[in-house]
C-alpha cells in the first residue's frame, strides 16, 4: 500500500511542477487579447451566451472583415464554429489566433482546443495552405493595384470583394488593404507630379479613378490621417481637371498648405472662380525666395487682374526663370 501511494505521489509531482511552470509562463506573457470595442462584439457575445453559435459565428465573420488582424475575433470565431459543429472553420480560426497572438497568456489553452479539433477531424482537417482561388485573388489585388486599376469588378477592390464573397477572412485581408493603400499613395504622388510638370498633366480619367479608389478605401476604413489628405487632394485635382474649380478650391483648401504643388492648384482654382484676393495672398507667399516660373507668371496675372503695378515685376521674374517652364 505504501508503495502504491508513493508511486501515485511521484507520478503527480511532474504534473504539479508542469502546471506551476505553465502558470508562471502565462503570467509573464501579454494579457489575453480582447474583442474590439464595437457593437458587433456585444451582439456576438450575446448570441454566443444564448447558445446561438451559428449566429455568433456570422456576426464574428463580419467583425473580422472590419478588424482582420484582431486575434480575439478569431479565437471567438473558432469557439463559436466549434460549438456549431463546423470544426474545419474552427481549426482555421484557431490557427489565425495563434499566428496573431503567439505570446498571449491563453496560448496553451487555445493550442489544446485546436489539438482537440484536429483530433476530431483527423485526416479531414483543412490544409494550412490557402485555396488556389483565394491565393489567385490576393495576387490580383497586388497586380491591379500596381497597374493603377482600383475600381470596378476588374479592379483591386473587385478582387478583394471576390475574396469576401468566397467566405474567406484572414489577416491576409489586412495586408491586401495595405497593398492597395500603398499603391494609391504611389499613383497619387505620380499624378500630382504629372499635373505639375508642364505639358504632362495627369489625365482626368486617371485622377477620377484615383479619387474613386480613395473613396472605396474609406468605405472599408483603410485610411489614416495622411491618406485622407491624399484622398482630398486627388479629388480636388480631379474636379479641377473636370472644370469644376469651385469644388476643387473647397477640397484643396484644407490640404494644400505645406505643398507648393497643391497650393498652386488651389490658386488656379481660385483664379478660375474669380477669387483673386485669396489667390494673391497665397501667391505672395509662394513667390518669396526661389519659385517656379509659372508661379511668378500666375502671380503677375492675378496682380494685373487687380490692377496692381507690381504685376510687371512678377512677369519679369517669370522671364528670368523661363527655362523652368
C-alpha atoms as a PDB file:
ATOM      1  CA  UNK A   1       0.000   0.000   0.000  1.00  0.00           C
ATOM      2  CA  UNK A   2       2.842   2.356   0.881  1.00  0.00           C
ATOM      3  CA  UNK A   3       4.488   1.606  -2.489  1.00  0.00           C
ATOM      4  CA  UNK A   4       1.201   2.365  -4.264  1.00  0.00           C
ATOM      5  CA  UNK A   5       0.833   5.748  -2.506  1.00  0.00           C
ATOM      6  CA  UNK A   6       4.447   6.586  -3.276  1.00  0.00           C
ATOM      7  CA  UNK A   7       4.064   5.786  -6.947  1.00  0.00           C
ATOM      8  CA  UNK A   8       0.977   7.994  -7.141  1.00  0.00           C
ATOM      9  CA  UNK A   9       2.782  10.806  -5.340  1.00  0.00           C
ATOM     10  CA  UNK A  10       5.836  10.596  -7.630  1.00  0.00           C
ATOM     11  CA  UNK A  11       3.657  10.495 -10.717  1.00  0.00           C
ATOM     12  CA  UNK A  12       1.823  13.647  -9.616  1.00  0.00           C
ATOM     13  CA  UNK A  13       4.938  15.708  -8.881  1.00  0.00           C
ATOM     14  CA  UNK A  14       5.946  16.316 -12.504  1.00  0.00           C
ATOM     15  CA  UNK A  15       2.364  17.287 -13.340  1.00  0.00           C
ATOM     16  CA  UNK A  16       2.290  19.750 -10.444  1.00  0.00           C
ATOM     17  CA  UNK A  17       5.634  21.242 -11.427  1.00  0.00           C
ATOM     18  CA  UNK A  18       4.468  21.485 -15.074  1.00  0.00           C
ATOM     19  CA  UNK A  19       1.228  23.207 -14.039  1.00  0.00           C
ATOM     20  CA  UNK A  20       3.151  25.711 -11.913  1.00  0.00           C
ATOM     21  CA  UNK A  21       5.610  26.288 -14.743  1.00  0.00           C
ATOM     22  CA  UNK A  22       2.830  26.823 -17.272  1.00  0.00           C
ATOM     23  CA  UNK A  23       1.074  29.192 -14.884  1.00  0.00           C
ATOM     24  CA  UNK A  24       4.252  31.207 -14.273  1.00  0.00           C
ATOM     25  CA  UNK A  25       4.980  31.241 -18.005  1.00  0.00           C
ATOM     26  CA  UNK A  26       1.483  32.561 -18.764  1.00  0.00           C
ATOM     27  CA  UNK A  27       1.899  35.267 -16.140  1.00  0.00           C
ATOM     28  CA  UNK A  28       4.959  36.559 -17.987  1.00  0.00           C
ATOM     29  CA  UNK A  29       3.061  36.785 -21.266  1.00  0.00           C
ATOM     30  CA  UNK A  30       0.920  39.672 -22.546  1.00  0.00           C
ATOM     31  CA  UNK A  31      -2.718  39.540 -21.433  1.00  0.00           C
ATOM     32  CA  UNK A  32      -5.244  37.666 -23.498  1.00  0.00           C
ATOM     33  CA  UNK A  33      -6.408  39.810 -26.467  1.00  0.00           C
ATOM     34  CA  UNK A  34      -9.885  41.295 -26.266  1.00  0.00           C
ATOM     35  CA  UNK A  35     -12.576  41.828 -28.878  1.00  0.00           C
ATOM     36  CA  UNK A  36     -12.646  45.298 -30.436  1.00  0.00           C
ATOM     37  CA  UNK A  37     -14.845  47.999 -28.943  1.00  0.00           C
ATOM     38  CA  UNK A  38     -17.622  47.604 -31.489  1.00  0.00           C
ATOM     39  CA  UNK A  39     -21.394  46.987 -31.219  1.00  0.00           C
ATOM     40  CA  UNK A  40     -20.900  43.805 -33.233  1.00  0.00           C
ATOM     41  CA  UNK A  41     -18.697  42.418 -30.458  1.00  0.00           C
ATOM     42  CA  UNK A  42     -21.547  42.829 -27.977  1.00  0.00           C
ATOM     43  CA  UNK A  43     -24.061  41.205 -30.338  1.00  0.00           C
ATOM     44  CA  UNK A  44     -21.703  38.287 -30.991  1.00  0.00           C
ATOM     45  CA  UNK A  45     -21.201  37.742 -27.245  1.00  0.00           C
ATOM     46  CA  UNK A  46     -24.950  37.826 -26.665  1.00  0.00           C
ATOM     47  CA  UNK A  47     -25.580  35.264 -29.407  1.00  0.00           C
ATOM     48  CA  UNK A  48     -22.801  33.032 -28.076  1.00  0.00           C
ATOM     49  CA  UNK A  49     -24.100  33.294 -24.499  1.00  0.00           C
ATOM     50  CA  UNK A  50     -27.591  32.321 -25.694  1.00  0.00           C
ATOM     51  CA  UNK A  51     -26.219  29.223 -27.410  1.00  0.00           C
ATOM     52  CA  UNK A  52     -26.869  30.683 -30.867  1.00  0.00           C
ATOM     53  CA  UNK A  53     -23.460  29.646 -32.168  1.00  0.00           C
ATOM     54  CA  UNK A  54     -24.193  29.948 -35.881  1.00  0.00           C
ATOM     55  CA  UNK A  55     -25.486  33.479 -35.360  1.00  0.00           C
ATOM     56  CA  UNK A  56     -22.438  34.328 -33.254  1.00  0.00           C
ATOM     57  CA  UNK A  57     -20.185  32.967 -35.991  1.00  0.00           C
ATOM     58  CA  UNK A  58     -21.892  35.116 -38.636  1.00  0.00           C
ATOM     59  CA  UNK A  59     -21.510  38.257 -36.572  1.00  0.00           C
ATOM     60  CA  UNK A  60     -17.884  37.444 -35.817  1.00  0.00           C
ATOM     61  CA  UNK A  61     -17.207  36.957 -39.531  1.00  0.00           C
ATOM     62  CA  UNK A  62     -18.489  40.467 -40.232  1.00  0.00           C
ATOM     63  CA  UNK A  63     -16.419  41.726 -37.296  1.00  0.00           C
ATOM     64  CA  UNK A  64     -13.331  40.057 -38.740  1.00  0.00           C
ATOM     65  CA  UNK A  65     -13.923  41.864 -42.024  1.00  0.00           C
ATOM     66  CA  UNK A  66     -13.675  45.131 -40.128  1.00  0.00           C
ATOM     67  CA  UNK A  67     -10.744  44.008 -37.941  1.00  0.00           C
ATOM     68  CA  UNK A  68      -8.893  41.289 -39.901  1.00  0.00           C
ATOM     69  CA  UNK A  69      -5.863  41.421 -37.613  1.00  0.00           C
ATOM     70  CA  UNK A  70      -7.620  41.310 -34.251  1.00  0.00           C
ATOM     71  CA  UNK A  71      -6.647  37.980 -32.622  1.00  0.00           C
ATOM     72  CA  UNK A  72      -9.607  37.816 -30.237  1.00  0.00           C
ATOM     73  CA  UNK A  73     -12.066  37.843 -33.137  1.00  0.00           C
ATOM     74  CA  UNK A  74     -10.539  34.630 -34.491  1.00  0.00           C
ATOM     75  CA  UNK A  75     -10.470  32.973 -31.070  1.00  0.00           C
ATOM     76  CA  UNK A  76     -14.159  33.738 -30.539  1.00  0.00           C
ATOM     77  CA  UNK A  77     -14.968  32.669 -34.078  1.00  0.00           C
ATOM     78  CA  UNK A  78     -13.125  29.397 -33.548  1.00  0.00           C
ATOM     79  CA  UNK A  79     -15.080  28.577 -30.401  1.00  0.00           C
ATOM     80  CA  UNK A  80     -18.425  29.557 -31.954  1.00  0.00           C
ATOM     81  CA  UNK A  81     -17.736  27.393 -35.006  1.00  0.00           C
ATOM     82  CA  UNK A  82     -16.589  24.511 -32.835  1.00  0.00           C
ATOM     83  CA  UNK A  83     -19.826  24.541 -30.824  1.00  0.00           C
ATOM     84  CA  UNK A  84     -21.813  24.951 -34.038  1.00  0.00           C
ATOM     85  CA  UNK A  85     -20.228  21.787 -35.387  1.00  0.00           C
ATOM     86  CA  UNK A  86     -18.174  23.467 -38.124  1.00  0.00           C
ATOM     87  CA  UNK A  87     -14.875  22.127 -36.845  1.00  0.00           C
ATOM     88  CA  UNK A  88     -12.990  22.854 -40.067  1.00  0.00           C
ATOM     89  CA  UNK A  89     -13.672  26.598 -39.801  1.00  0.00           C
ATOM     90  CA  UNK A  90     -12.810  26.443 -36.119  1.00  0.00           C
ATOM     91  CA  UNK A  91      -9.391  24.974 -36.926  1.00  0.00           C
ATOM     92  CA  UNK A  92      -8.653  27.715 -39.451  1.00  0.00           C
ATOM     93  CA  UNK A  93      -9.669  30.434 -36.978  1.00  0.00           C
ATOM     94  CA  UNK A  94      -7.602  28.889 -34.152  1.00  0.00           C
ATOM     95  CA  UNK A  95      -4.559  28.913 -36.429  1.00  0.00           C
ATOM     96  CA  UNK A  96      -5.008  32.613 -37.178  1.00  0.00           C
ATOM     97  CA  UNK A  97      -5.278  33.397 -33.484  1.00  0.00           C
ATOM     98  CA  UNK A  98      -2.021  31.580 -32.770  1.00  0.00           C
ATOM     99  CA  UNK A  99      -0.378  33.371 -35.707  1.00  0.00           C
ATOM    100  CA  UNK A 100      -1.506  36.787 -34.500  1.00  0.00           C
ATOM    101  CA  UNK A 101      -1.026  36.282 -30.744  1.00  0.00           C
ATOM    102  CA  UNK A 102       1.977  33.953 -30.315  1.00  0.00           C
ATOM    103  CA  UNK A 103       2.719  35.345 -26.855  1.00  0.00           C
ATOM    104  CA  UNK A 104      -0.803  35.568 -25.439  1.00  0.00           C
ATOM    105  CA  UNK A 105      -1.335  34.354 -21.879  1.00  0.00           C
ATOM    106  CA  UNK A 106      -4.003  31.868 -23.001  1.00  0.00           C
ATOM    107  CA  UNK A 107      -1.907  30.430 -25.828  1.00  0.00           C
ATOM    108  CA  UNK A 108      -1.541  26.955 -24.298  1.00  0.00           C
ATOM    109  CA  UNK A 109      -5.285  26.707 -23.722  1.00  0.00           C
ATOM    110  CA  UNK A 110      -6.008  27.719 -27.303  1.00  0.00           C
ATOM    111  CA  UNK A 111      -3.455  25.220 -28.614  1.00  0.00           C
ATOM    112  CA  UNK A 112      -5.157  22.500 -26.591  1.00  0.00           C
ATOM    113  CA  UNK A 113      -8.535  23.462 -28.072  1.00  0.00           C
ATOM    114  CA  UNK A 114      -7.010  23.380 -31.567  1.00  0.00           C
ATOM    115  CA  UNK A 115      -5.473  19.959 -30.912  1.00  0.00           C
ATOM    116  CA  UNK A 116      -8.871  18.625 -29.844  1.00  0.00           C
ATOM    117  CA  UNK A 117     -10.449  19.923 -33.064  1.00  0.00           C
ATOM    118  CA  UNK A 118      -7.671  18.376 -35.126  1.00  0.00           C
ATOM    119  CA  UNK A 119      -8.265  15.009 -33.456  1.00  0.00           C
ATOM    120  CA  UNK A 120     -11.967  15.289 -34.210  1.00  0.00           C
ATOM    121  CA  UNK A 121     -11.341  15.730 -37.946  1.00  0.00           C
ATOM    122  CA  UNK A 122      -8.163  13.704 -38.336  1.00  0.00           C
ATOM    123  CA  UNK A 123      -7.108  13.467 -41.968  1.00  0.00           C
ATOM    124  CA  UNK A 124     -10.045  15.674 -42.985  1.00  0.00           C
ATOM    125  CA  UNK A 125      -8.580  18.704 -41.215  1.00  0.00           C
ATOM    126  CA  UNK A 126      -8.210  21.705 -43.548  1.00  0.00           C
ATOM    127  CA  UNK A 127      -4.812  22.422 -45.060  1.00  0.00           C
ATOM    128  CA  UNK A 128      -2.737  25.300 -43.798  1.00  0.00           C
ATOM    129  CA  UNK A 129      -2.423  26.460 -47.398  1.00  0.00           C
ATOM    130  CA  UNK A 130      -4.985  28.884 -48.795  1.00  0.00           C
ATOM    131  CA  UNK A 131      -7.292  27.593 -51.545  1.00  0.00           C
ATOM    132  CA  UNK A 132      -5.884  28.257 -55.023  1.00  0.00           C
ATOM    133  CA  UNK A 133      -8.727  30.643 -55.916  1.00  0.00           C
ATOM    134  CA  UNK A 134      -8.099  32.754 -52.809  1.00  0.00           C
ATOM    135  CA  UNK A 135      -4.358  32.851 -53.474  1.00  0.00           C
ATOM    136  CA  UNK A 136      -5.073  33.978 -57.036  1.00  0.00           C
ATOM    137  CA  UNK A 137      -7.425  36.709 -55.807  1.00  0.00           C
ATOM    138  CA  UNK A 138      -4.819  38.040 -53.374  1.00  0.00           C
ATOM    139  CA  UNK A 139      -2.279  38.063 -56.215  1.00  0.00           C
ATOM    140  CA  UNK A 140      -4.733  40.009 -58.390  1.00  0.00           C
ATOM    141  CA  UNK A 141      -5.064  42.650 -55.683  1.00  0.00           C
ATOM    142  CA  UNK A 142      -1.331  43.361 -55.967  1.00  0.00           C
ATOM    143  CA  UNK A 143      -1.224  43.225 -59.777  1.00  0.00           C
ATOM    144  CA  UNK A 144      -4.212  45.504 -60.276  1.00  0.00           C
ATOM    145  CA  UNK A 145      -3.072  47.944 -57.587  1.00  0.00           C
ATOM    146  CA  UNK A 146       0.353  48.342 -59.150  1.00  0.00           C
ATOM    147  CA  UNK A 147      -1.304  48.913 -62.538  1.00  0.00           C
ATOM    148  CA  UNK A 148      -3.372  51.742 -61.055  1.00  0.00           C
ATOM    149  CA  UNK A 149      -6.668  49.919 -61.539  1.00  0.00           C
ATOM    150  CA  UNK A 150      -8.663  50.116 -58.337  1.00  0.00           C
ATOM    151  CA  UNK A 151     -12.403  50.258 -59.009  1.00  0.00           C
ATOM    152  CA  UNK A 152     -14.892  48.103 -60.851  1.00  0.00           C
ATOM    153  CA  UNK A 153     -15.094  44.318 -60.990  1.00  0.00           C
ATOM    154  CA  UNK A 154     -11.658  44.133 -62.640  1.00  0.00           C
ATOM    155  CA  UNK A 155     -10.032  46.493 -60.164  1.00  0.00           C
ATOM    156  CA  UNK A 156      -8.116  45.752 -56.961  1.00  0.00           C
ATOM    157  CA  UNK A 157     -11.218  46.303 -54.833  1.00  0.00           C
ATOM    158  CA  UNK A 158     -13.079  43.905 -57.135  1.00  0.00           C
ATOM    159  CA  UNK A 159     -10.551  41.172 -56.324  1.00  0.00           C
ATOM    160  CA  UNK A 160     -10.910  41.997 -52.629  1.00  0.00           C
ATOM    161  CA  UNK A 161     -14.685  41.657 -52.971  1.00  0.00           C
ATOM    162  CA  UNK A 162     -14.234  38.238 -54.594  1.00  0.00           C
ATOM    163  CA  UNK A 163     -12.292  37.121 -51.529  1.00  0.00           C
ATOM    164  CA  UNK A 164     -15.091  38.272 -49.245  1.00  0.00           C
ATOM    165  CA  UNK A 165     -17.807  36.661 -51.387  1.00  0.00           C
ATOM    166  CA  UNK A 166     -15.913  33.372 -51.214  1.00  0.00           C
ATOM    167  CA  UNK A 167     -16.442  33.425 -47.450  1.00  0.00           C
ATOM    168  CA  UNK A 168     -12.758  33.935 -46.709  1.00  0.00           C
ATOM    169  CA  UNK A 169     -11.381  36.116 -43.962  1.00  0.00           C
ATOM    170  CA  UNK A 170      -7.807  36.162 -42.675  1.00  0.00           C
ATOM    171  CA  UNK A 171      -5.016  38.518 -41.621  1.00  0.00           C
ATOM    172  CA  UNK A 172      -4.047  38.489 -45.303  1.00  0.00           C
ATOM    173  CA  UNK A 173      -7.048  40.730 -45.999  1.00  0.00           C
ATOM    174  CA  UNK A 174      -5.406  43.466 -43.930  1.00  0.00           C
ATOM    175  CA  UNK A 175      -2.197  43.027 -45.902  1.00  0.00           C
ATOM    176  CA  UNK A 176      -4.160  43.278 -49.165  1.00  0.00           C
ATOM    177  CA  UNK A 177      -5.726  46.517 -47.963  1.00  0.00           C
ATOM    178  CA  UNK A 178      -2.273  47.878 -47.114  1.00  0.00           C
ATOM    179  CA  UNK A 179      -1.103  46.912 -50.597  1.00  0.00           C
ATOM    180  CA  UNK A 180      -3.973  48.864 -52.142  1.00  0.00           C
ATOM    181  CA  UNK A 181      -3.333  51.836 -49.864  1.00  0.00           C
ATOM    182  CA  UNK A 182       0.381  51.861 -50.724  1.00  0.00           C
ATOM    183  CA  UNK A 183      -0.414  51.770 -54.455  1.00  0.00           C
ATOM    184  CA  UNK A 184      -2.941  54.575 -54.075  1.00  0.00           C
ATOM    185  CA  UNK A 185      -0.300  56.760 -52.442  1.00  0.00           C
ATOM    186  CA  UNK A 186       2.275  55.922 -55.117  1.00  0.00           C
ATOM    187  CA  UNK A 187      -0.107  56.613 -58.010  1.00  0.00           C
ATOM    188  CA  UNK A 188      -1.409  59.782 -56.350  1.00  0.00           C
ATOM    189  CA  UNK A 189       2.122  61.128 -55.954  1.00  0.00           C
ATOM    190  CA  UNK A 190       2.810  60.304 -59.592  1.00  0.00           C
ATOM    191  CA  UNK A 191      -0.409  62.021 -60.718  1.00  0.00           C
ATOM    192  CA  UNK A 192       0.452  65.156 -58.747  1.00  0.00           C
ATOM    193  CA  UNK A 193       3.940  65.209 -60.276  1.00  0.00           C
ATOM    194  CA  UNK A 194       2.488  64.829 -63.775  1.00  0.00           C
ATOM    195  CA  UNK A 195      -0.046  67.555 -63.072  1.00  0.00           C
ATOM    196  CA  UNK A 196       2.790  69.869 -62.052  1.00  0.00           C
ATOM    197  CA  UNK A 197       5.099  69.157 -64.996  1.00  0.00           C
ATOM    198  CA  UNK A 198       4.287  71.451 -67.899  1.00  0.00           C
ATOM    199  CA  UNK A 199       2.839  69.617 -70.885  1.00  0.00           C
ATOM    200  CA  UNK A 200       2.419  66.362 -68.961  1.00  0.00           C
ATOM    201  CA  UNK A 201      -0.657  66.842 -66.800  1.00  0.00           C
ATOM    202  CA  UNK A 202      -2.417  63.805 -65.372  1.00  0.00           C
ATOM    203  CA  UNK A 203      -5.472  62.787 -67.348  1.00  0.00           C
ATOM    204  CA  UNK A 204      -8.952  63.349 -65.964  1.00  0.00           C
ATOM    205  CA  UNK A 205      -9.675  59.602 -66.083  1.00  0.00           C
ATOM    206  CA  UNK A 206      -6.564  58.844 -64.024  1.00  0.00           C
ATOM    207  CA  UNK A 207      -7.456  61.407 -61.367  1.00  0.00           C
ATOM    208  CA  UNK A 208     -11.075  60.253 -61.283  1.00  0.00           C
ATOM    209  CA  UNK A 209     -10.017  56.612 -60.873  1.00  0.00           C
ATOM    210  CA  UNK A 210      -7.705  57.538 -58.010  1.00  0.00           C
ATOM    211  CA  UNK A 211     -10.372  59.637 -56.309  1.00  0.00           C
ATOM    212  CA  UNK A 212     -12.823  56.719 -56.570  1.00  0.00           C
ATOM    213  CA  UNK A 213     -10.139  54.369 -55.232  1.00  0.00           C
ATOM    214  CA  UNK A 214      -9.592  56.548 -52.173  1.00  0.00           C
ATOM    215  CA  UNK A 215     -13.354  56.646 -51.617  1.00  0.00           C
ATOM    216  CA  UNK A 216     -13.508  52.828 -51.688  1.00  0.00           C
ATOM    217  CA  UNK A 217     -10.607  52.672 -49.231  1.00  0.00           C
ATOM    218  CA  UNK A 218     -12.525  54.990 -46.898  1.00  0.00           C
ATOM    219  CA  UNK A 219     -15.546  52.670 -47.114  1.00  0.00           C
ATOM    220  CA  UNK A 220     -13.544  49.792 -45.632  1.00  0.00           C
ATOM    221  CA  UNK A 221     -11.855  52.007 -43.015  1.00  0.00           C
ATOM    222  CA  UNK A 222      -8.424  51.533 -44.602  1.00  0.00           C
ATOM    223  CA  UNK A 223      -7.250  55.148 -44.274  1.00  0.00           C
ATOM    224  CA  UNK A 224      -5.114  57.055 -41.806  1.00  0.00           C
ATOM    225  CA  UNK A 225      -4.853  60.830 -41.401  1.00  0.00           C
ATOM    226  CA  UNK A 226      -2.339  61.346 -44.193  1.00  0.00           C
ATOM    227  CA  UNK A 227      -4.353  59.130 -46.537  1.00  0.00           C
ATOM    228  CA  UNK A 228      -7.417  61.304 -46.029  1.00  0.00           C
ATOM    229  CA  UNK A 229      -5.350  64.292 -47.144  1.00  0.00           C
ATOM    230  CA  UNK A 230      -4.291  62.408 -50.269  1.00  0.00           C
ATOM    231  CA  UNK A 231      -7.905  61.489 -50.965  1.00  0.00           C
ATOM    232  CA  UNK A 232      -8.990  65.129 -50.752  1.00  0.00           C
ATOM    233  CA  UNK A 233      -6.017  66.299 -52.839  1.00  0.00           C
ATOM    234  CA  UNK A 234      -6.652  63.860 -55.680  1.00  0.00           C
ATOM    235  CA  UNK A 235     -10.377  64.568 -55.574  1.00  0.00           C
ATOM    236  CA  UNK A 236      -9.613  68.282 -55.789  1.00  0.00           C
ATOM    237  CA  UNK A 237      -7.320  67.819 -58.787  1.00  0.00           C
ATOM    238  CA  UNK A 238      -9.950  65.645 -60.470  1.00  0.00           C
ATOM    239  CA  UNK A 239     -12.563  68.380 -60.091  1.00  0.00           C
ATOM    240  CA  UNK A 240     -10.111  70.979 -61.327  1.00  0.00           C
ATOM    241  CA  UNK A 241      -9.294  68.876 -64.392  1.00  0.00           C
ATOM    242  CA  UNK A 242     -13.045  68.389 -64.951  1.00  0.00           C
ATOM    243  CA  UNK A 243     -13.557  72.170 -64.995  1.00  0.00           C
ATOM    244  CA  UNK A 244     -15.235  72.289 -61.599  1.00  0.00           C
ATOM    245  CA  UNK A 245     -12.978  74.891 -59.916  1.00  0.00           C
ATOM    246  CA  UNK A 246     -15.348  75.825 -57.078  1.00  0.00           C
ATOM    247  CA  UNK A 247     -15.423  72.281 -55.738  1.00  0.00           C
ATOM    248  CA  UNK A 248     -11.686  71.941 -56.373  1.00  0.00           C
ATOM    249  CA  UNK A 249     -10.939  75.047 -54.290  1.00  0.00           C
ATOM    250  CA  UNK A 250     -13.129  73.717 -51.488  1.00  0.00           C
ATOM    251  CA  UNK A 251     -11.354  70.351 -51.419  1.00  0.00           C
ATOM    252  CA  UNK A 252      -7.812  71.671 -51.833  1.00  0.00           C
ATOM    253  CA  UNK A 253      -8.072  74.471 -49.262  1.00  0.00           C
ATOM    254  CA  UNK A 254      -7.607  72.322 -46.126  1.00  0.00           C
ATOM    255  CA  UNK A 255      -4.885  70.046 -47.575  1.00  0.00           C
ATOM    256  CA  UNK A 256      -2.791  72.362 -49.769  1.00  0.00           C
ATOM    257  CA  UNK A 257      -0.767  74.202 -47.060  1.00  0.00           C
ATOM    258  CA  UNK A 258       2.792  72.900 -46.966  1.00  0.00           C
ATOM    259  CA  UNK A 259       2.778  71.546 -50.518  1.00  0.00           C
ATOM    260  CA  UNK A 260       3.656  74.055 -53.246  1.00  0.00           C
ATOM    261  CA  UNK A 261       2.146  71.901 -55.993  1.00  0.00           C
ATOM    262  CA  UNK A 262      -1.210  71.648 -54.266  1.00  0.00           C
ATOM    263  CA  UNK A 263      -1.026  75.330 -53.327  1.00  0.00           C
ATOM    264  CA  UNK A 264      -0.536  76.181 -56.982  1.00  0.00           C
ATOM    265  CA  UNK A 265      -3.511  74.004 -57.940  1.00  0.00           C
ATOM    266  CA  UNK A 266      -5.580  75.726 -55.265  1.00  0.00           C
ATOM    267  CA  UNK A 267      -4.632  79.136 -56.686  1.00  0.00           C
ATOM    268  CA  UNK A 268      -5.582  78.034 -60.214  1.00  0.00           C
ATOM    269  CA  UNK A 269      -8.991  77.006 -58.875  1.00  0.00           C
ATOM    270  CA  UNK A 270      -9.419  80.318 -57.043  1.00  0.00           C
ATOM    271  CA  UNK A 271      -8.463  82.312 -60.128  1.00  0.00           C
ATOM    272  CA  UNK A 272     -10.958  80.428 -62.253  1.00  0.00           C
ATOM    273  CA  UNK A 273     -13.787  81.375 -59.927  1.00  0.00           C
ATOM    274  CA  UNK A 274     -12.621  84.981 -59.663  1.00  0.00           C
ATOM    275  CA  UNK A 275     -11.392  84.923 -56.072  1.00  0.00           C
ATOM    276  CA  UNK A 276      -8.269  86.905 -56.917  1.00  0.00           C
ATOM    277  CA  UNK A 277      -7.647  88.438 -53.488  1.00  0.00           C
ATOM    278  CA  UNK A 278      -7.377  84.983 -51.886  1.00  0.00           C
ATOM    279  CA  UNK A 279      -5.207  83.811 -54.755  1.00  0.00           C
ATOM    280  CA  UNK A 280      -2.880  86.809 -54.296  1.00  0.00           C
ATOM    281  CA  UNK A 281      -2.350  86.083 -50.591  1.00  0.00           C
ATOM    282  CA  UNK A 282      -1.217  82.551 -51.389  1.00  0.00           C
ATOM    283  CA  UNK A 283       0.920  83.622 -54.361  1.00  0.00           C
ATOM    284  CA  UNK A 284       2.600  86.370 -52.345  1.00  0.00           C
ATOM    285  CA  UNK A 285       3.896  83.615 -50.052  1.00  0.00           C
ATOM    286  CA  UNK A 286       4.828  81.260 -52.891  1.00  0.00           C
ATOM    287  CA  UNK A 287       6.945  83.785 -54.802  1.00  0.00           C
ATOM    288  CA  UNK A 288       9.170  84.559 -51.817  1.00  0.00           C
ATOM    289  CA  UNK A 289      12.631  83.174 -52.393  1.00  0.00           C
ATOM    290  CA  UNK A 290      13.152  80.804 -55.308  1.00  0.00           C
ATOM    291  CA  UNK A 291       9.871  79.992 -57.031  1.00  0.00           C
ATOM    292  CA  UNK A 292       8.977  78.190 -60.214  1.00  0.00           C
ATOM    293  CA  UNK A 293       8.490  80.471 -63.247  1.00  0.00           C
ATOM    294  CA  UNK A 294       4.851  79.532 -63.588  1.00  0.00           C
ATOM    295  CA  UNK A 295       4.202  80.742 -60.032  1.00  0.00           C
ATOM    296  CA  UNK A 296       5.617  84.162 -60.930  1.00  0.00           C
ATOM    297  CA  UNK A 297       3.609  84.173 -64.146  1.00  0.00           C
ATOM    298  CA  UNK A 298       0.347  83.386 -62.338  1.00  0.00           C
ATOM    299  CA  UNK A 299       1.235  85.956 -59.686  1.00  0.00           C
ATOM    300  CA  UNK A 300       1.658  88.569 -62.390  1.00  0.00           C
ATOM    301  CA  UNK A 301      -1.655  87.580 -63.972  1.00  0.00           C
ATOM    302  CA  UNK A 302      -3.508  87.949 -60.672  1.00  0.00           C
ATOM    303  CA  UNK A 303      -1.847  91.287 -59.911  1.00  0.00           C
ATOM    304  CA  UNK A 304      -2.798  92.569 -63.334  1.00  0.00           C
ATOM    305  CA  UNK A 305      -6.397  91.495 -62.727  1.00  0.00           C
ATOM    306  CA  UNK A 306      -6.256  93.553 -59.538  1.00  0.00           C
ATOM    307  CA  UNK A 307      -4.650  96.480 -61.410  1.00  0.00           C
ATOM    308  CA  UNK A 308      -1.531  96.244 -59.266  1.00  0.00           C
ATOM    309  CA  UNK A 309       1.578  97.781 -60.851  1.00  0.00           C
ATOM    310  CA  UNK A 310       3.751  95.082 -59.280  1.00  0.00           C
ATOM    311  CA  UNK A 311       2.449  92.736 -61.982  1.00  0.00           C
ATOM    312  CA  UNK A 312       5.286  93.829 -64.277  1.00  0.00           C
ATOM    313  CA  UNK A 313       7.890  92.725 -61.751  1.00  0.00           C
ATOM    314  CA  UNK A 314       6.297  89.280 -61.474  1.00  0.00           C
ATOM    315  CA  UNK A 315       6.243  88.910 -65.254  1.00  0.00           C
ATOM    316  CA  UNK A 316       9.927  89.836 -65.358  1.00  0.00           C
ATOM    317  CA  UNK A 317      10.690  87.232 -62.704  1.00  0.00           C
ATOM    318  CA  UNK A 318       8.870  84.676 -64.810  1.00  0.00           C
ATOM    319  CA  UNK A 319      11.019  85.592 -67.820  1.00  0.00           C
ATOM    320  CA  UNK A 320      14.179  85.273 -65.745  1.00  0.00           C
ATOM    321  CA  UNK A 321      13.127  81.735 -64.873  1.00  0.00           C
ATOM    322  CA  UNK A 322      11.596  80.811 -68.211  1.00  0.00           C
ATOM    323  CA  UNK A 323      13.972  77.884 -68.619  1.00  0.00           C
ATOM    324  CA  UNK A 324      11.956  76.157 -65.864  1.00  0.00           C
ATOM    325  CA  UNK A 325       8.733  76.280 -67.884  1.00  0.00           C
END
